[in-house]
Amino acid sequence: HEGIGTLLHAGEELIRRGVPLRLLIVGDGPERAGLE
């Protein structure tokens, strides 16, 4: 329910637009492997 996948998909779009972006995901949990 933290919705980190939404942030990753948004990051992909921003990179495609040429935005010099880094995403910093701090923490652990059951979704980590799937998010990576």
PDB file of all heavy atoms in Angstrom:
ATOM      1  N   HIS A   1       0.806  -1.227   0.000  1.00  0.00           N
ATOM      2  CA  HIS A   1       0.000   0.000   0.000  1.00  0.00           C
ATOM      3  C   HIS A   1       0.836   1.273   0.000  1.00  0.00           C
ATOM      4  O   HIS A   1       0.287   2.364  -0.140  1.00  0.00           O
ATOM      5  CB  HIS A   1      -0.983   0.000   1.173  1.00  0.00           C
ATOM      6  CG  HIS A   1      -0.349   0.096   2.524  1.00  0.00           C
ATOM      7  ND1 HIS A   1       0.000  -1.008   3.271  1.00  0.00           N
ATOM      8  CD2 HIS A   1      -0.004   1.170   3.271  1.00  0.00           C
ATOM      9  CE1 HIS A   1       0.531  -0.621   4.413  1.00  0.00           C
ATOM     10  NE2 HIS A   1       0.545   0.688   4.436  1.00  0.00           N
ATOM     11  N   GLU A   2       2.167   1.163   0.138  1.00  0.00           N
ATOM     12  CA  GLU A   2       3.001   2.369   0.058  1.00  0.00           C
ATOM     13  C   GLU A   2       3.112   2.904  -1.364  1.00  0.00           C
ATOM     14  O   GLU A   2       3.511   4.052  -1.567  1.00  0.00           O
ATOM     15  CB  GLU A   2       4.398   2.104   0.628  1.00  0.00           C
ATOM     16  CG  GLU A   2       4.416   1.809   2.118  1.00  0.00           C
ATOM     17  CD  GLU A   2       3.946   2.968   2.986  1.00  0.00           C
ATOM     18  OE1 GLU A   2       3.861   4.113   2.482  1.00  0.00           O
ATOM     19  OE2 GLU A   2       3.648   2.742   4.168  1.00  0.00           O
ATOM     20  N   GLY A   3       2.816   2.090  -2.364  1.00  0.00           N
ATOM     21  CA  GLY A   3       2.715   2.588  -3.740  1.00  0.00           C
ATOM     22  C   GLY A   3       4.033   2.950  -4.393  1.00  0.00           C
ATOM     23  O   GLY A   3       4.064   3.788  -5.304  1.00  0.00           O
ATOM     24  N   ILE A   4       5.128   2.316  -3.987  1.00  0.00           N
ATOM     25  CA  ILE A   4       6.436   2.680  -4.543  1.00  0.00           C
ATOM     26  C   ILE A   4       6.500   2.389  -6.042  1.00  0.00           C
ATOM     27  O   ILE A   4       7.225   3.047  -6.783  1.00  0.00           O
ATOM     28  CB  ILE A   4       7.568   1.949  -3.792  1.00  0.00           C
ATOM     29  CG1 ILE A   4       7.460   2.194  -2.283  1.00  0.00           C
ATOM     30  CG2 ILE A   4       8.930   2.401  -4.299  1.00  0.00           C
ATOM     31  CD1 ILE A   4       7.510   3.652  -1.890  1.00  0.00           C
ATOM     32  N   GLY A   5       5.721   1.412  -6.493  1.00  0.00           N
ATOM     33  CA  GLY A   5       5.696   1.138  -7.938  1.00  0.00           C
ATOM     34  C   GLY A   5       5.249   2.346  -8.738  1.00  0.00           C
ATOM     35  O   GLY A   5       5.763   2.602  -9.841  1.00  0.00           O
ATOM     36  N   THR A   6       4.302   3.103  -8.217  1.00  0.00           N
ATOM     37  CA  THR A   6       3.865   4.330  -8.888  1.00  0.00           C
ATOM     38  C   THR A   6       5.033   5.293  -9.047  1.00  0.00           C
ATOM     39  O   THR A   6       5.216   5.910 -10.113  1.00  0.00           O
ATOM     40  CB  THR A   6       2.736   5.005  -8.089  1.00  0.00           C
ATOM     41  OG1 THR A   6       1.604   4.135  -8.048  1.00  0.00           O
ATOM     42  CG2 THR A   6       2.326   6.330  -8.724  1.00  0.00           C
ATOM     43  N   LEU A   7       5.839   5.421  -7.998  1.00  0.00           N
ATOM     44  CA  LEU A   7       6.993   6.322  -8.060  1.00  0.00           C
ATOM     45  C   LEU A   7       8.009   5.844  -9.082  1.00  0.00           C
ATOM     46  O   LEU A   7       8.588   6.659  -9.830  1.00  0.00           O
ATOM     47  CB  LEU A   7       7.634   6.421  -6.671  1.00  0.00           C
ATOM     48  CG  LEU A   7       8.823   7.370  -6.544  1.00  0.00           C
ATOM     49  CD1 LEU A   7       8.435   8.801  -6.882  1.00  0.00           C
ATOM     50  CD2 LEU A   7       9.404   7.296  -5.127  1.00  0.00           C
ATOM     51  N   LEU A   8       8.234   4.537  -9.159  1.00  0.00           N
ATOM     52  CA  LEU A   8       9.183   4.010 -10.149  1.00  0.00           C
ATOM     53  C   LEU A   8       8.695   4.268 -11.569  1.00  0.00           C
ATOM     54  O   LEU A   8       9.475   4.685 -12.444  1.00  0.00           O
ATOM     55  CB  LEU A   8       9.402   2.516  -9.921  1.00  0.00           C
ATOM     56  CG  LEU A   8      10.100   2.122  -8.616  1.00  0.00           C
ATOM     57  CD1 LEU A   8      10.157   0.605  -8.486  1.00  0.00           C
ATOM     58  CD2 LEU A   8      11.508   2.712  -8.537  1.00  0.00           C
ATOM     59  N   HIS A   9       7.421   4.041 -11.827  1.00  0.00           N
ATOM     60  CA  HIS A   9       6.882   4.305 -13.169  1.00  0.00           C
ATOM     61  C   HIS A   9       6.964   5.797 -13.500  1.00  0.00           C
ATOM     62  O   HIS A   9       7.291   6.171 -14.643  1.00  0.00           O
ATOM     63  CB  HIS A   9       5.429   3.828 -13.260  1.00  0.00           C
ATOM     64  CG  HIS A   9       5.282   2.360 -13.477  1.00  0.00           C
ATOM     65  ND1 HIS A   9       5.502   1.764 -14.696  1.00  0.00           N
ATOM     66  CD2 HIS A   9       4.933   1.360 -12.619  1.00  0.00           C
ATOM     67  CE1 HIS A   9       5.292   0.456 -14.600  1.00  0.00           C
ATOM     68  NE2 HIS A   9       4.949   0.187 -13.345  1.00  0.00           N
ATOM     69  N   ALA A  10       6.697   6.656 -12.530  1.00  0.00           N
ATOM     70  CA  ALA A  10       6.839   8.100 -12.761  1.00  0.00           C
ATOM     71  C   ALA A  10       8.295   8.452 -13.042  1.00  0.00           C
ATOM     72  O   ALA A  10       8.585   9.299 -13.897  1.00  0.00           O
ATOM     73  CB  ALA A  10       6.331   8.877 -11.547  1.00  0.00           C
ATOM     74  N   GLY A  11       9.210   7.809 -12.313  1.00  0.00           N
ATOM     75  CA  GLY A  11      10.627   8.046 -12.560  1.00  0.00           C
ATOM     76  C   GLY A  11      11.044   7.673 -13.963  1.00  0.00           C
ATOM     77  O   GLY A  11      11.828   8.398 -14.612  1.00  0.00           O
ATOM     78  N   GLU A  12      10.521   6.538 -14.451  1.00  0.00           N
ATOM     79  CA  GLU A  12      10.818   6.138 -15.831  1.00  0.00           C
ATOM     80  C   GLU A  12      10.385   7.230 -16.805  1.00  0.00           C
ATOM     81  O   GLU A  12      11.123   7.587 -17.746  1.00  0.00           O
ATOM     82  CB  GLU A  12      10.111   4.832 -16.152  1.00  0.00           C
ATOM     83  CG  GLU A  12      10.296   4.400 -17.607  1.00  0.00           C
ATOM     84  CD  GLU A  12       9.238   3.418 -18.078  1.00  0.00           C
ATOM     85  OE1 GLU A  12       8.095   3.470 -17.561  1.00  0.00           O
ATOM     86  OE2 GLU A  12       9.538   2.635 -18.988  1.00  0.00           O
ATOM     87  N   GLU A  13       9.191   7.782 -16.608  1.00  0.00           N
ATOM     88  CA  GLU A  13       8.684   8.821 -17.495  1.00  0.00           C
ATOM     89  C   GLU A  13       9.543  10.082 -17.413  1.00  0.00           C
ATOM     90  O   GLU A  13       9.847  10.717 -18.442  1.00  0.00           O
ATOM     91  CB  GLU A  13       7.231   9.137 -17.138  1.00  0.00           C
ATOM     92  CG  GLU A  13       6.619  10.321 -17.876  1.00  0.00           C
ATOM     93  CD  GLU A  13       6.553  10.139 -19.379  1.00  0.00           C
ATOM     94  OE1 GLU A  13       6.645   8.985 -19.859  1.00  0.00           O
ATOM     95  OE2 GLU A  13       6.408  11.160 -20.086  1.00  0.00           O
ATOM     96  N   LEU A  14       9.972  10.458 -16.224  1.00  0.00           N
ATOM     97  CA  LEU A  14      10.798  11.656 -16.080  1.00  0.00           C
ATOM     98  C   LEU A  14      12.162  11.471 -16.733  1.00  0.00           C
ATOM     99  O   LEU A  14      12.682  12.402 -17.370  1.00  0.00           O
ATOM    100  CB  LEU A  14      10.956  11.998 -14.596  1.00  0.00           C
ATOM    101  CG  LEU A  14       9.683  12.526 -13.924  1.00  0.00           C
ATOM    102  CD1 LEU A  14       9.866  12.595 -12.423  1.00  0.00           C
ATOM    103  CD2 LEU A  14       9.302  13.893 -14.474  1.00  0.00           C
ATOM    104  N   ILE A  15      12.743  10.298 -16.602  1.00  0.00           N
ATOM    105  CA  ILE A  15      14.014  10.019 -17.285  1.00  0.00           C
ATOM    106  C   ILE A  15      13.820  10.115 -18.794  1.00  0.00           C
ATOM    107  O   ILE A  15      14.655  10.678 -19.523  1.00  0.00           O
ATOM    108  CB  ILE A  15      14.540   8.630 -16.885  1.00  0.00           C
ATOM    109  CG1 ILE A  15      14.949   8.616 -15.406  1.00  0.00           C
ATOM    110  CG2 ILE A  15      15.703   8.211 -17.785  1.00  0.00           C
ATOM    111  CD1 ILE A  15      16.156   9.453 -15.081  1.00  0.00           C
ATOM    112  N   ARG A  16      12.694   9.572 -19.290  1.00  0.00           N
ATOM    113  CA  ARG A  16      12.408   9.642 -20.729  1.00  0.00           C
ATOM    114  C   ARG A  16      12.320  11.086 -21.199  1.00  0.00           C
ATOM    115  O   ARG A  16      12.720  11.414 -22.327  1.00  0.00           O
ATOM    116  CB  ARG A  16      11.099   8.901 -21.026  1.00  0.00           C
ATOM    117  CG  ARG A  16      10.795   8.747 -22.511  1.00  0.00           C
ATOM    118  CD  ARG A  16       9.391   8.237 -22.740  1.00  0.00           C
ATOM    119  NE  ARG A  16       8.390   9.202 -22.318  1.00  0.00           N
ATOM    120  CZ  ARG A  16       8.057  10.292 -23.018  1.00  0.00           C
ATOM    121  NH1 ARG A  16       8.689  10.571 -24.156  1.00  0.00           N
ATOM    122  NH2 ARG A  16       7.134  11.113 -22.574  1.00  0.00           N
ATOM    123  N   ARG A  17      11.819  11.976 -20.327  1.00  0.00           N
ATOM    124  CA  ARG A  17      11.707  13.392 -20.669  1.00  0.00           C
ATOM    125  C   ARG A  17      13.027  14.138 -20.542  1.00  0.00           C
ATOM    126  O   ARG A  17      13.093  15.335 -20.845  1.00  0.00           O
ATOM    127  CB  ARG A  17      10.668  14.058 -19.764  1.00  0.00           C
ATOM    128  CG  ARG A  17       9.250  13.527 -19.914  1.00  0.00           C
ATOM    129  CD  ARG A  17       8.306  14.220 -18.937  1.00  0.00           C
ATOM    130  NE  ARG A  17       6.981  13.617 -18.924  1.00  0.00           N
ATOM    131  CZ  ARG A  17       5.977  14.027 -18.143  1.00  0.00           C
ATOM    132  NH1 ARG A  17       6.161  15.059 -17.316  1.00  0.00           N
ATOM    133  NH2 ARG A  17       4.809  13.431 -18.193  1.00  0.00           N
ATOM    134  N   GLY A  18      14.043  13.458 -20.055  1.00  0.00           N
ATOM    135  CA  GLY A  18      15.346  14.103 -19.943  1.00  0.00           C
ATOM    136  C   GLY A  18      15.614  14.768 -18.603  1.00  0.00           C
ATOM    137  O   GLY A  18      16.589  15.524 -18.469  1.00  0.00           O
ATOM    138  N   VAL A  19      14.786  14.509 -17.603  1.00  0.00           N
ATOM    139  CA  VAL A  19      15.006  15.085 -16.278  1.00  0.00           C
ATOM    140  C   VAL A  19      16.159  14.337 -15.605  1.00  0.00           C
ATOM    141  O   VAL A  19      16.141  13.106 -15.536  1.00  0.00           O
ATOM    142  CB  VAL A  19      13.733  14.966 -15.412  1.00  0.00           C
ATOM    143  CG1 VAL A  19      13.984  15.507 -14.003  1.00  0.00           C
ATOM    144  CG2 VAL A  19      12.573  15.703 -16.076  1.00  0.00           C
ATOM    145  N   PRO A  20      17.174  15.045 -15.104  1.00  0.00           N
ATOM    146  CA  PRO A  20      18.306  14.381 -14.435  1.00  0.00           C
ATOM    147  C   PRO A  20      17.917  13.930 -13.025  1.00  0.00           C
ATOM    148  O   PRO A  20      18.148  14.616 -12.043  1.00  0.00           O
ATOM    149  CB  PRO A  20      19.377  15.477 -14.406  1.00  0.00           C
ATOM    150  CG  PRO A  20      18.605  16.756 -14.380  1.00  0.00           C
ATOM    151  CD  PRO A  20      17.363  16.510 -15.179  1.00  0.00           C
ATOM    152  N   LEU A  21      17.331  12.747 -12.945  1.00  0.00           N
ATOM    153  CA  LEU A  21      16.641  12.309 -11.738  1.00  0.00           C
ATOM    154  C   LEU A  21      17.334  11.115 -11.100  1.00  0.00           C
ATOM    155  O   LEU A  21      17.803  10.202 -11.789  1.00  0.00           O
ATOM    156  CB  LEU A  21      15.202  11.914 -12.091  1.00  0.00           C
ATOM    157  CG  LEU A  21      14.343  11.352 -10.955  1.00  0.00           C
ATOM    158  CD1 LEU A  21      14.002  12.452  -9.957  1.00  0.00           C
ATOM    159  CD2 LEU A  21      13.077  10.716 -11.518  1.00  0.00           C
ATOM    160  N   ARG A  22      17.358  11.109  -9.779  1.00  0.00           N
ATOM    161  CA  ARG A  22      17.707   9.915  -9.004  1.00  0.00           C
ATOM    162  C   ARG A  22      16.550   9.631  -8.045  1.00  0.00           C
ATOM    163  O   ARG A  22      15.977  10.555  -7.465  1.00  0.00           O
ATOM    164  CB  ARG A  22      18.992  10.141  -8.201  1.00  0.00           C
ATOM    165  CG  ARG A  22      20.163  10.579  -9.037  1.00  0.00           C
ATOM    166  CD  ARG A  22      20.603   9.505 -10.028  1.00  0.00           C
ATOM    167  NE  ARG A  22      21.189   8.353  -9.368  1.00  0.00           N
ATOM    168  CZ  ARG A  22      22.482   8.259  -9.034  1.00  0.00           C
ATOM    169  NH1 ARG A  22      23.301   9.274  -9.269  1.00  0.00           N
ATOM    170  NH2 ARG A  22      22.955   7.169  -8.464  1.00  0.00           N
ATOM    171  N   LEU A  23      16.237   8.369  -7.870  1.00  0.00           N
ATOM    172  CA  LEU A  23      15.230   7.934  -6.910  1.00  0.00           C
ATOM    173  C   LEU A  23      15.930   7.240  -5.752  1.00  0.00           C
ATOM    174  O   LEU A  23      16.731   6.319  -5.962  1.00  0.00           O
ATOM    175  CB  LEU A  23      14.236   6.970  -7.562  1.00  0.00           C
ATOM    176  CG  LEU A  23      13.395   7.529  -8.702  1.00  0.00           C
ATOM    177  CD1 LEU A  23      12.535   6.421  -9.317  1.00  0.00           C
ATOM    178  CD2 LEU A  23      12.509   8.672  -8.230  1.00  0.00           C
ATOM    179  N   LEU A  24      15.645   7.679  -4.539  1.00  0.00           N
ATOM    180  CA  LEU A  24      16.286   7.140  -3.341  1.00  0.00           C
ATOM    181  C   LEU A  24      15.209   6.449  -2.501  1.00  0.00           C
ATOM    182  O   LEU A  24      14.342   7.114  -1.927  1.00  0.00           O
ATOM    183  CB  LEU A  24      16.954   8.266  -2.550  1.00  0.00           C
ATOM    184  CG  LEU A  24      17.759   7.861  -1.311  1.00  0.00           C
ATOM    185  CD1 LEU A  24      18.931   6.967  -1.706  1.00  0.00           C
ATOM    186  CD2 LEU A  24      18.260   9.110  -0.588  1.00  0.00           C
ATOM    187  N   ILE A  25      15.270   5.117  -2.449  1.00  0.00           N
ATOM    188  CA  ILE A  25      14.265   4.314  -1.746  1.00  0.00           C
ATOM    189  C   ILE A  25      14.925   3.753  -0.493  1.00  0.00           C
ATOM    190  O   ILE A  25      15.762   2.848  -0.570  1.00  0.00           O
ATOM    191  CB  ILE A  25      13.728   3.166  -2.626  1.00  0.00           C
ATOM    192  CG1 ILE A  25      13.393   3.665  -4.035  1.00  0.00           C
ATOM    193  CG2 ILE A  25      12.549   2.501  -1.956  1.00  0.00           C
ATOM    194  CD1 ILE A  25      12.322   4.699  -4.108  1.00  0.00           C
ATOM    195  N   VAL A  26      14.543   4.293   0.656  1.00  0.00           N
ATOM    196  CA  VAL A  26      15.160   3.919   1.927  1.00  0.00           C
ATOM    197  C   VAL A  26      14.183   3.059   2.713  1.00  0.00           C
ATOM    198  O   VAL A  26      13.053   3.475   2.978  1.00  0.00           O
ATOM    199  CB  VAL A  26      15.528   5.167   2.750  1.00  0.00           C
ATOM    200  CG1 VAL A  26      16.183   4.764   4.076  1.00  0.00           C
ATOM    201  CG2 VAL A  26      16.460   6.073   1.951  1.00  0.00           C
ATOM    202  N   GLY A  27      14.623   1.873   3.092  1.00  0.00           N
ATOM    203  CA  GLY A  27      13.783   0.984   3.873  1.00  0.00           C
ATOM    204  C   GLY A  27      13.788  -0.415   3.306  1.00  0.00           C
ATOM    205  O   GLY A  27      14.421  -0.704   2.287  1.00  0.00           O
ATOM    206  N   ASP A  28      13.064  -1.287   3.978  1.00  0.00           N
ATOM    207  CA  ASP A  28      13.012  -2.692   3.583  1.00  0.00           C
ATOM    208  C   ASP A  28      11.599  -3.201   3.809  1.00  0.00           C
ATOM    209  O   ASP A  28      10.770  -2.513   4.411  1.00  0.00           O
ATOM    210  CB  ASP A  28      14.016  -3.512   4.394  1.00  0.00           C
ATOM    211  CG  ASP A  28      14.546  -4.710   3.627  1.00  0.00           C
ATOM    212  OD1 ASP A  28      13.909  -5.112   2.634  1.00  0.00           O
ATOM    213  OD2 ASP A  28      15.593  -5.256   4.024  1.00  0.00           O
ATOM    214  N   GLY A  29      11.328  -4.386   3.318  1.00  0.00           N
ATOM    215  CA  GLY A  29      10.009  -4.960   3.499  1.00  0.00           C
ATOM    216  C   GLY A  29       9.722  -6.005   2.442  1.00  0.00           C
ATOM    217  O   GLY A  29      10.556  -6.270   1.557  1.00  0.00           O
ATOM    218  N   PRO A  30       8.540  -6.597   2.473  1.00  0.00           N
ATOM    219  CA  PRO A  30       8.228  -7.713   1.583  1.00  0.00           C
ATOM    220  C   PRO A  30       8.191  -7.362   0.099  1.00  0.00           C
ATOM    221  O   PRO A  30       8.315  -8.241  -0.746  1.00  0.00           O
ATOM    222  CB  PRO A  30       6.839  -8.165   2.061  1.00  0.00           C
ATOM    223  CG  PRO A  30       6.261  -6.986   2.793  1.00  0.00           C
ATOM    224  CD  PRO A  30       7.435  -6.311   3.419  1.00  0.00           C
ATOM    225  N   GLU A  31       8.051  -6.081  -0.227  1.00  0.00           N
ATOM    226  CA  GLU A  31       7.972  -5.673  -1.628  1.00  0.00           C
ATOM    227  C   GLU A  31       9.329  -5.347  -2.235  1.00  0.00           C
ATOM    228  O   GLU A  31       9.414  -5.091  -3.447  1.00  0.00           O
ATOM    229  CB  GLU A  31       7.073  -4.434  -1.760  1.00  0.00           C
ATOM    230  CG  GLU A  31       5.605  -4.681  -1.513  1.00  0.00           C
ATOM    231  CD  GLU A  31       4.980  -5.462  -2.665  1.00  0.00           C
ATOM    232  OE1 GLU A  31       4.771  -4.881  -3.741  1.00  0.00           O
ATOM    233  OE2 GLU A  31       4.717  -6.664  -2.460  1.00  0.00           O
ATOM    234  N   ARG A  32      10.388  -5.357  -1.436  1.00  0.00           N
ATOM    235  CA  ARG A  32      11.653  -4.841  -1.945  1.00  0.00           C
ATOM    236  C   ARG A  32      12.148  -5.593  -3.182  1.00  0.00           C
ATOM    237  O   ARG A  32      12.507  -4.970  -4.193  1.00  0.00           O
ATOM    238  CB  ARG A  32      12.725  -4.874  -0.855  1.00  0.00           C
ATOM    239  CG  ARG A  32      14.064  -4.327  -1.356  1.00  0.00           C
ATOM    240  CD  ARG A  32      15.122  -4.283  -0.297  1.00  0.00           C
ATOM    241  NE  ARG A  32      16.409  -3.886  -0.845  1.00  0.00           N
ATOM    242  CZ  ARG A  32      17.529  -3.791  -0.140  1.00  0.00           C
ATOM    243  NH1 ARG A  32      17.507  -4.054   1.169  1.00  0.00           N
ATOM    244  NH2 ARG A  32      18.658  -3.431  -0.717  1.00  0.00           N
ATOM    245  N   ALA A  33      12.175  -6.912  -3.121  1.00  0.00           N
ATOM    246  CA  ALA A  33      12.696  -7.680  -4.263  1.00  0.00           C
ATOM    247  C   ALA A  33      11.872  -7.409  -5.515  1.00  0.00           C
ATOM    248  O   ALA A  33      12.425  -7.221  -6.614  1.00  0.00           O
ATOM    249  CB  ALA A  33      12.710  -9.166  -3.933  1.00  0.00           C
ATOM    250  N   GLY A  34      10.544  -7.382  -5.377  1.00  0.00           N
ATOM    251  CA  GLY A  34       9.697  -7.115  -6.530  1.00  0.00           C
ATOM    252  C   GLY A  34       9.897  -5.719  -7.081  1.00  0.00           C
ATOM    253  O   GLY A  34       9.877  -5.509  -8.305  1.00  0.00           O
ATOM    254  N   LEU A  35      10.100  -4.746  -6.206  1.00  0.00           N
ATOM    255  CA  LEU A  35      10.340  -3.372  -6.655  1.00  0.00           C
ATOM    256  C   LEU A  35      11.680  -3.249  -7.365  1.00  0.00           C
ATOM    257  O   LEU A  35      11.797  -2.519  -8.364  1.00  0.00           O
ATOM    258  CB  LEU A  35      10.277  -2.420  -5.463  1.00  0.00           C
ATOM    259  CG  LEU A  35       8.889  -2.216  -4.855  1.00  0.00           C
ATOM    260  CD1 LEU A  35       8.995  -1.491  -3.513  1.00  0.00           C
ATOM    261  CD2 LEU A  35       7.975  -1.451  -5.805  1.00  0.00           C
ATOM    262  N   GLU A  36      12.682  -3.972  -6.896  1.00  0.00           N
ATOM    263  CA  GLU A  36      13.981  -3.940  -7.579  1.00  0.00           C
ATOM    264  C   GLU A  36      13.877  -4.566  -8.962  1.00  0.00           C
ATOM    265  O   GLU A  36      14.485  -4.082  -9.923  1.00  0.00           O
ATOM    266  CB  GLU A  36      15.024  -4.641  -6.721  1.00  0.00           C
ATOM    267  CG  GLU A  36      15.410  -3.850  -5.480  1.00  0.00           C
ATOM    268  CD  GLU A  36      16.408  -4.576  -4.597  1.00  0.00           C
ATOM    269  OE1 GLU A  36      16.427  -5.829  -4.619  1.00  0.00           O
ATOM    270  OE2 GLU A  36      17.182  -3.893  -3.884  1.00  0.00           O
TER     271      GLU A  36
END
